[in-house]
Protein backbone atom coordinates (compact mmCIF):
# COMPACT_ATOMS: atom_id res chain seq x y z
CA UNK A 1 0.00 0.00 0.00
CA UNK A 2 1.43 3.37 -1.04
CA UNK A 3 1.74 6.02 1.63
CA UNK A 4 -0.27 9.19 1.12
CA UNK A 5 1.52 12.51 1.49
CA UNK A 6 0.09 15.02 3.94
CA UNK A 7 -1.08 17.18 1.01
CA UNK A 8 -3.02 14.23 -0.45
CA UNK A 9 -5.14 14.04 2.70
CA UNK A 10 -6.67 17.48 2.12
CA UNK A 11 -9.25 18.37 -0.51
CA UNK A 12 -8.49 22.10 -0.39
CA UNK A 13 -5.70 24.54 0.40
CA UNK A 14 -6.18 28.14 1.56
CA UNK A 15 -3.12 30.37 1.31
CA UNK A 16 -2.17 33.42 3.38
CA UNK A 17 -3.66 36.64 2.02
CA UNK A 18 -1.35 38.99 0.14
CA UNK A 19 -0.32 41.64 0.94
CA UNK A 20 -0.51 41.17 4.68
CA UNK A 21 -1.14 43.55 6.31
CA UNK A 22 -3.18 45.37 3.69
CA UNK A 23 -4.75 48.79 3.45
CA UNK A 24 -7.84 48.23 1.27
CA UNK A 25 -7.22 45.37 -1.16
CA UNK A 26 -6.03 41.88 -0.41
CA UNK A 27 -5.87 38.70 -2.41
CA UNK A 28 -6.78 35.20 -1.19
CA UNK A 29 -5.61 32.16 -3.11
CA UNK A 30 -7.08 28.70 -2.72
CA UNK A 31 -7.12 25.40 -4.54
CA UNK A 32 -9.34 22.33 -4.52
CA UNK A 33 -8.79 18.83 -5.86
CA UNK A 34 -12.41 17.88 -6.58
CA UNK A 35 -15.61 19.70 -7.53
CA UNK A 36 -17.17 21.10 -4.38
CA UNK A 37 -19.49 23.81 -3.08
CA UNK A 38 -17.11 26.44 -1.73
CA UNK A 39 -17.98 29.28 0.62
CA UNK A 40 -15.24 31.73 1.55
CA UNK A 41 -16.31 34.33 4.11
CA UNK A 42 -14.51 37.24 5.76
CA UNK A 43 -15.25 38.12 9.39
CA UNK A 44 -14.31 41.23 11.34
CA UNK A 45 -12.60 41.21 14.73
CA UNK A 46 -15.99 41.12 16.49
CA UNK A 47 -16.88 37.90 14.71
CA UNK A 48 -19.46 39.54 12.46
CA UNK A 49 -19.48 38.45 8.83
CA UNK A 50 -18.08 41.26 6.68
CA UNK A 51 -18.56 39.70 3.24
CA UNK A 52 -18.79 36.50 1.23
CA UNK A 53 -16.04 36.22 -1.37
CA UNK A 54 -17.08 32.88 -2.89
CA UNK A 55 -20.33 30.91 -2.64
CA UNK A 56 -20.52 28.58 -5.60
CA UNK A 57 -19.86 25.12 -6.97
CA UNK A 58 -16.19 25.21 -8.01
CA UNK A 59 -14.28 22.89 -10.35
CA UNK A 60 -10.84 21.51 -9.37
CA UNK A 61 -8.01 23.99 -9.76
CA UNK A 62 -6.27 27.00 -8.30
CA UNK A 63 -8.17 30.24 -7.71
CA UNK A 64 -7.52 33.80 -6.59
CA UNK A 65 -10.09 36.21 -5.15
CA UNK A 66 -9.47 39.90 -4.48
CA UNK A 67 -11.29 41.62 -1.64
CA UNK A 68 -11.65 45.40 -1.56
CA UNK A 69 -12.34 46.40 2.04
CA UNK A 70 -12.31 50.16 1.41
CA UNK A 71 -16.06 50.57 2.07
CA UNK A 72 -16.18 48.24 5.07
CA UNK A 73 -17.08 49.80 8.40
CA UNK A 74 -14.24 49.66 10.94
């Protein structure tokens, strides 16, 4: 039986946002290995949902989403 690598055990990968820290715009990169319903949400420091960046059925691959937080309340 072949050993699975640690990366093979996960069906998705979520990278650190860039730039970090950011002023208004930041970019989140993620990848998935099978078709799945993906929801990517951003929360503020109080735990309140600030926005939903992705809420869709996504095909396998690597993705990048840019969030503009300029109009978000502090």
